[in-house]
Amino acid sequence: MRLINEEPVFLKSYDLYIALYEAVKKFNKSDRYSLGEKTKEKVLELIESITKAGYAKAEWKAIQIEQAIIDLELIKVFIRLAYDTNCVNEKQYLSLQDHIQEIGRMLGGWKKSQ
């Protein structure tokens, strides 16, 4: 049995958190402790949902994958909001979006395979 922390979707989500962590360090103080922390928290929830899905029994797996997809959709909104409020620059935004899009494709494939 392969560990979930070796799966590509987990690793990509982990990388998203690291990239976001670095970006949030550069947010202005008021945004860092509101939008920045909320977005980081949501990425941690995404990682949690992916981990739960990886170890869930077959009948519960789809529910956790759905939760991960919902978490990812909220992350998209928060990242866009960070861009629109100039918390992240275009380069950071595009990099974060690349991570998000790839995770989305992986989660979609995982959901279809269930």
Protein backbone atom coordinates (compact mmCIF):
# COMPACT_ATOMS: atom_id res chain seq x y z
CA MET A 1 0.00 0.00 0.00
CA ARG A 2 1.36 3.37 -1.00
CA LEU A 3 1.29 6.14 1.60
CA ILE A 4 -0.89 9.16 0.81
CA ASN A 5 2.03 11.52 1.48
CA GLU A 6 3.75 9.96 -1.55
CA GLU A 7 0.81 10.57 -3.89
CA PRO A 8 1.18 13.34 -6.51
CA VAL A 9 -2.00 15.20 -5.43
CA PHE A 10 -0.75 15.32 -1.83
CA LEU A 11 2.71 16.47 -2.90
CA LYS A 12 1.27 19.18 -5.18
CA SER A 13 -0.95 20.43 -2.34
CA TYR A 14 2.04 20.45 -0.02
CA ASP A 15 3.95 22.52 -2.61
CA LEU A 16 0.99 24.91 -2.86
CA TYR A 17 1.16 25.51 0.88
CA ILE A 18 4.90 26.22 0.74
CA ALA A 19 4.43 28.68 -2.15
CA LEU A 20 1.52 30.37 -0.39
CA TYR A 21 3.46 30.55 2.87
CA GLU A 22 6.23 32.47 1.11
CA ALA A 23 3.75 34.77 -0.63
CA VAL A 24 1.84 35.57 2.58
CA LYS A 25 5.07 36.71 4.25
CA LYS A 26 5.03 39.64 1.81
CA PHE A 27 1.37 40.64 2.38
CA ASN A 28 0.89 43.91 4.21
CA LYS A 29 0.26 43.40 7.91
CA SER A 30 -3.52 43.79 7.91
CA ASP A 31 -4.00 41.38 4.98
CA ARG A 32 -1.42 38.90 6.29
CA TYR A 33 -3.48 38.23 9.41
CA SER A 34 -6.84 38.08 7.66
CA LEU A 35 -6.79 36.95 4.04
CA GLY A 36 -3.33 35.41 4.28
CA GLU A 37 -4.05 33.29 7.35
CA LYS A 38 -7.50 32.29 6.06
CA THR A 39 -6.01 31.14 2.75
CA LYS A 40 -3.23 29.18 4.45
CA GLU A 41 -5.81 27.58 6.75
CA LYS A 42 -7.90 26.54 3.75
CA VAL A 43 -4.86 24.93 2.07
CA LEU A 44 -4.22 22.99 5.29
CA GLU A 45 -7.86 21.84 5.18
CA LEU A 46 -7.28 20.75 1.56
CA ILE A 47 -4.27 18.68 2.64
CA GLU A 48 -6.34 17.23 5.47
CA SER A 49 -9.18 16.26 3.10
CA ILE A 50 -6.75 14.64 0.66
CA THR A 51 -5.13 12.69 3.48
CA LYS A 52 -8.50 11.53 4.81
CA ALA A 53 -9.58 10.50 1.32
CA GLY A 54 -6.39 8.53 0.86
CA TYR A 55 -7.06 6.44 3.94
CA ALA A 56 -10.86 6.35 3.85
CA LYS A 57 -12.88 3.23 3.21
CA ALA A 58 -14.35 3.10 -0.30
CA GLU A 59 -17.80 4.33 0.78
CA TRP A 60 -16.32 7.43 2.47
CA LYS A 61 -13.62 8.25 -0.06
CA ALA A 62 -15.91 10.16 -2.46
CA ILE A 63 -17.13 12.42 0.36
CA GLN A 64 -13.57 13.41 1.28
CA ILE A 65 -12.64 13.98 -2.37
CA GLU A 66 -15.69 16.25 -2.72
CA GLN A 67 -14.59 18.17 0.38
CA ALA A 68 -11.11 18.59 -1.13
CA ILE A 69 -12.67 19.95 -4.32
CA ILE A 70 -14.74 22.45 -2.31
CA ASP A 71 -11.65 23.50 -0.35
CA LEU A 72 -9.79 24.03 -3.62
CA GLU A 73 -12.60 26.19 -5.04
CA LEU A 74 -12.45 28.42 -1.96
CA ILE A 75 -8.67 28.64 -2.28
CA LYS A 76 -9.13 29.83 -5.88
CA VAL A 77 -11.41 32.62 -4.66
CA PHE A 78 -9.00 33.66 -1.89
CA ILE A 79 -5.99 33.69 -4.23
CA ARG A 80 -7.91 35.78 -6.77
CA LEU A 81 -8.92 38.15 -4.00
CA ALA A 82 -5.26 38.42 -2.95
CA TYR A 83 -4.34 39.30 -6.53
CA ASP A 84 -7.17 41.81 -6.94
CA THR A 85 -6.17 43.56 -3.70
CA ASN A 86 -2.48 43.64 -4.70
CA CYS A 87 -1.37 41.24 -1.97
CA VAL A 88 0.34 39.09 -4.59
CA ASN A 89 1.86 40.20 -7.86
CA GLU A 90 1.04 38.69 -11.23
CA LYS A 91 3.97 36.27 -11.19
CA GLN A 92 2.99 34.91 -7.76
CA TYR A 93 -0.66 34.73 -8.79
CA LEU A 94 0.12 32.74 -11.95
CA SER A 95 2.40 30.38 -10.03
CA LEU A 96 -0.25 29.73 -7.38
CA GLN A 97 -2.89 29.27 -10.08
CA ASP A 98 -0.70 26.67 -11.82
CA HIS A 99 -0.59 24.66 -8.60
CA ILE A 100 -4.35 25.02 -8.14
CA GLN A 101 -5.17 23.97 -11.70
CA GLU A 102 -2.98 20.88 -11.50
CA ILE A 103 -4.47 19.88 -8.15
CA GLY A 104 -7.93 20.38 -9.65
CA ARG A 105 -7.14 18.06 -12.54
CA MET A 106 -5.79 15.44 -10.14
CA LEU A 107 -8.82 15.65 -7.86
CA GLY A 108 -11.16 15.46 -10.85
CA GLY A 109 -9.42 12.34 -12.10
CA TRP A 110 -9.50 10.81 -8.64
CA LYS A 111 -13.23 11.56 -8.34
CA LYS A 112 -13.96 9.96 -11.74
CA SER A 113 -12.04 6.82 -10.77
CA GLN A 114 -14.31 6.30 -7.76
